[in-house]
Amino acid sequence: MTVIKRFIAGAVCPRCGEMDCVRMYRDEAREYRECVRCDFEDTQRLDGTPEPQELETRVNQAKPVLDAGERPIRFVPNPAKGDDK
């Protein structure tokens, strides 16, 4: 199957701001846009459902960098009442 890429008349590239340089094409599941001047690329599903995005959690974030001499605080749990050791 040959992919036919067509220019979108009057479209402005979101990255470089140039007009009439964005073209689009489709396959079975996706629609693609690309700029011929700055190599911008964008895709979306044909059925209109949004792209699944990963939720931001403490696991997928970068760890904070401590300055020289800084240490994390460690909390020691209080003993339970009635534990006299």
C-alpha atoms as a PDB file:
ATOM      1  CA  MET A   1       0.000   0.000   0.000  1.00  0.00           C
ATOM      2  CA  THR A   2       1.395   3.388  -0.992  1.00  0.00           C
ATOM      3  CA  VAL A   3       1.109   6.183   1.553  1.00  0.00           C
ATOM      4  CA  ILE A   4      -0.173   9.447   0.079  1.00  0.00           C
ATOM      5  CA  LYS A   5       1.060  12.506   1.959  1.00  0.00           C
ATOM      6  CA  ARG A   6      -1.002  15.651   1.393  1.00  0.00           C
ATOM      7  CA  PHE A   7      -0.270  19.232   2.362  1.00  0.00           C
ATOM      8  CA  ILE A   8      -2.839  21.021   4.538  1.00  0.00           C
ATOM      9  CA  ALA A   9      -3.618  24.416   2.987  1.00  0.00           C
ATOM     10  CA  GLY A  10      -3.215  27.291   5.428  1.00  0.00           C
ATOM     11  CA  ALA A  11      -1.951  25.098   8.280  1.00  0.00           C
ATOM     12  CA  VAL A  12       0.719  26.610  10.532  1.00  0.00           C
ATOM     13  CA  CYS A  13       3.379  24.414  12.089  1.00  0.00           C
ATOM     14  CA  PRO A  14       3.122  24.515  15.917  1.00  0.00           C
ATOM     15  CA  ARG A  15       6.915  24.375  16.300  1.00  0.00           C
ATOM     16  CA  CYS A  16       8.400  26.700  13.656  1.00  0.00           C
ATOM     17  CA  GLY A  17       5.311  28.807  12.860  1.00  0.00           C
ATOM     18  CA  GLU A  18       5.685  28.488   9.080  1.00  0.00           C
ATOM     19  CA  MET A  19       2.536  28.342   6.964  1.00  0.00           C
ATOM     20  CA  ASP A  20       1.799  25.752   4.261  1.00  0.00           C
ATOM     21  CA  CYS A  21       4.558  23.343   5.250  1.00  0.00           C
ATOM     22  CA  VAL A  22       2.474  20.784   7.212  1.00  0.00           C
ATOM     23  CA  ARG A  23       1.416  17.591   5.493  1.00  0.00           C
ATOM     24  CA  MET A  24      -0.662  14.663   6.748  1.00  0.00           C
ATOM     25  CA  TYR A  25      -1.148  10.997   5.981  1.00  0.00           C
ATOM     26  CA  ARG A  26      -3.008   8.026   7.485  1.00  0.00           C
ATOM     27  CA  ASP A  27      -2.615   4.338   8.068  1.00  0.00           C
ATOM     28  CA  GLU A  28      -5.195   1.855   9.397  1.00  0.00           C
ATOM     29  CA  ALA A  29      -5.209   3.150  12.984  1.00  0.00           C
ATOM     30  CA  ARG A  30      -3.489   6.566  13.119  1.00  0.00           C
ATOM     31  CA  GLU A  31      -3.351   9.966  11.464  1.00  0.00           C
ATOM     32  CA  TYR A  32       0.052  11.655  11.164  1.00  0.00           C
ATOM     33  CA  ARG A  33       1.070  15.304  10.730  1.00  0.00           C
ATOM     34  CA  GLU A  34       4.591  16.404   9.911  1.00  0.00           C
ATOM     35  CA  CYS A  35       6.376  19.639   8.988  1.00  0.00           C
ATOM     36  CA  VAL A  36       8.731  19.543   6.010  1.00  0.00           C
ATOM     37  CA  ARG A  37      10.813  22.472   7.343  1.00  0.00           C
ATOM     38  CA  CYS A  38      11.512  21.659  11.008  1.00  0.00           C
ATOM     39  CA  ASP A  39      10.772  17.884  11.182  1.00  0.00           C
ATOM     40  CA  PHE A  40       7.870  18.335  13.650  1.00  0.00           C
ATOM     41  CA  GLU A  41       5.774  15.155  13.969  1.00  0.00           C
ATOM     42  CA  ASP A  42       2.414  14.543  15.629  1.00  0.00           C
ATOM     43  CA  THR A  43       0.016  11.585  15.673  1.00  0.00           C
ATOM     44  CA  GLN A  44      -3.493  10.853  16.847  1.00  0.00           C
ATOM     45  CA  ARG A  45      -5.826   7.887  16.743  1.00  0.00           C
ATOM     46  CA  LEU A  46      -8.521   7.735  14.099  1.00  0.00           C
ATOM     47  CA  ASP A  47     -11.199   6.674  16.579  1.00  0.00           C
ATOM     48  CA  GLY A  48     -10.675   9.861  18.608  1.00  0.00           C
ATOM     49  CA  THR A  49      -9.726   8.207  21.883  1.00  0.00           C
ATOM     50  CA  PRO A  50      -6.964  10.049  23.752  1.00  0.00           C
ATOM     51  CA  GLU A  51      -3.495   8.624  24.077  1.00  0.00           C
ATOM     52  CA  PRO A  52      -2.928   6.805  27.359  1.00  0.00           C
ATOM     53  CA  GLN A  53      -0.458   8.778  29.462  1.00  0.00           C
ATOM     54  CA  GLU A  54       1.547   7.518  32.374  1.00  0.00           C
ATOM     55  CA  LEU A  55       0.446   8.945  35.705  1.00  0.00           C
ATOM     56  CA  GLU A  56       3.049  10.987  37.513  1.00  0.00           C
ATOM     57  CA  THR A  57       4.163   9.106  40.617  1.00  0.00           C
ATOM     58  CA  ARG A  58       7.139   9.155  42.948  1.00  0.00           C
ATOM     59  CA  VAL A  59       8.562   6.160  41.099  1.00  0.00           C
ATOM     60  CA  ASN A  60       8.799   7.725  37.631  1.00  0.00           C
ATOM     61  CA  GLN A  61      10.043  11.166  38.764  1.00  0.00           C
ATOM     62  CA  ALA A  62      13.679  12.176  39.036  1.00  0.00           C
ATOM     63  CA  LYS A  63      15.099  11.930  42.541  1.00  0.00           C
ATOM     64  CA  PRO A  64      15.895  15.261  44.203  1.00  0.00           C
ATOM     65  CA  VAL A  65      19.572  16.114  44.337  1.00  0.00           C
ATOM     66  CA  LEU A  66      20.924  16.991  47.777  1.00  0.00           C
ATOM     67  CA  ASP A  67      23.450  19.784  48.190  1.00  0.00           C
ATOM     68  CA  ALA A  68      26.844  19.095  49.769  1.00  0.00           C
ATOM     69  CA  GLY A  69      26.450  18.379  53.473  1.00  0.00           C
ATOM     70  CA  GLU A  70      22.701  17.747  53.337  1.00  0.00           C
ATOM     71  CA  ARG A  71      21.247  14.484  54.556  1.00  0.00           C
ATOM     72  CA  PRO A  72      17.688  13.170  54.510  1.00  0.00           C
ATOM     73  CA  ILE A  73      15.777  13.280  57.806  1.00  0.00           C
ATOM     74  CA  ARG A  74      15.083   9.918  59.403  1.00  0.00           C
ATOM     75  CA  PHE A  75      12.064   9.606  61.615  1.00  0.00           C
ATOM     76  CA  VAL A  76      12.151   7.084  64.443  1.00  0.00           C
ATOM     77  CA  PRO A  77       8.701   5.746  65.415  1.00  0.00           C
ATOM     78  CA  ASN A  78       7.542   6.337  68.964  1.00  0.00           C
ATOM     79  CA  PRO A  79       7.293   3.191  71.067  1.00  0.00           C
ATOM     80  CA  ALA A  80       3.767   1.896  71.618  1.00  0.00           C
ATOM     81  CA  LYS A  81       2.157   2.697  74.950  1.00  0.00           C
ATOM     82  CA  GLY A  82       2.823   0.103  77.588  1.00  0.00           C
ATOM     83  CA  ASP A  83       6.160  -0.943  76.044  1.00  0.00           C
ATOM     84  CA  ASP A  84       8.655  -0.017  78.787  1.00  0.00           C
ATOM     85  CA  LYS A  85      11.877  -1.569  77.665  1.00  0.00           C
END
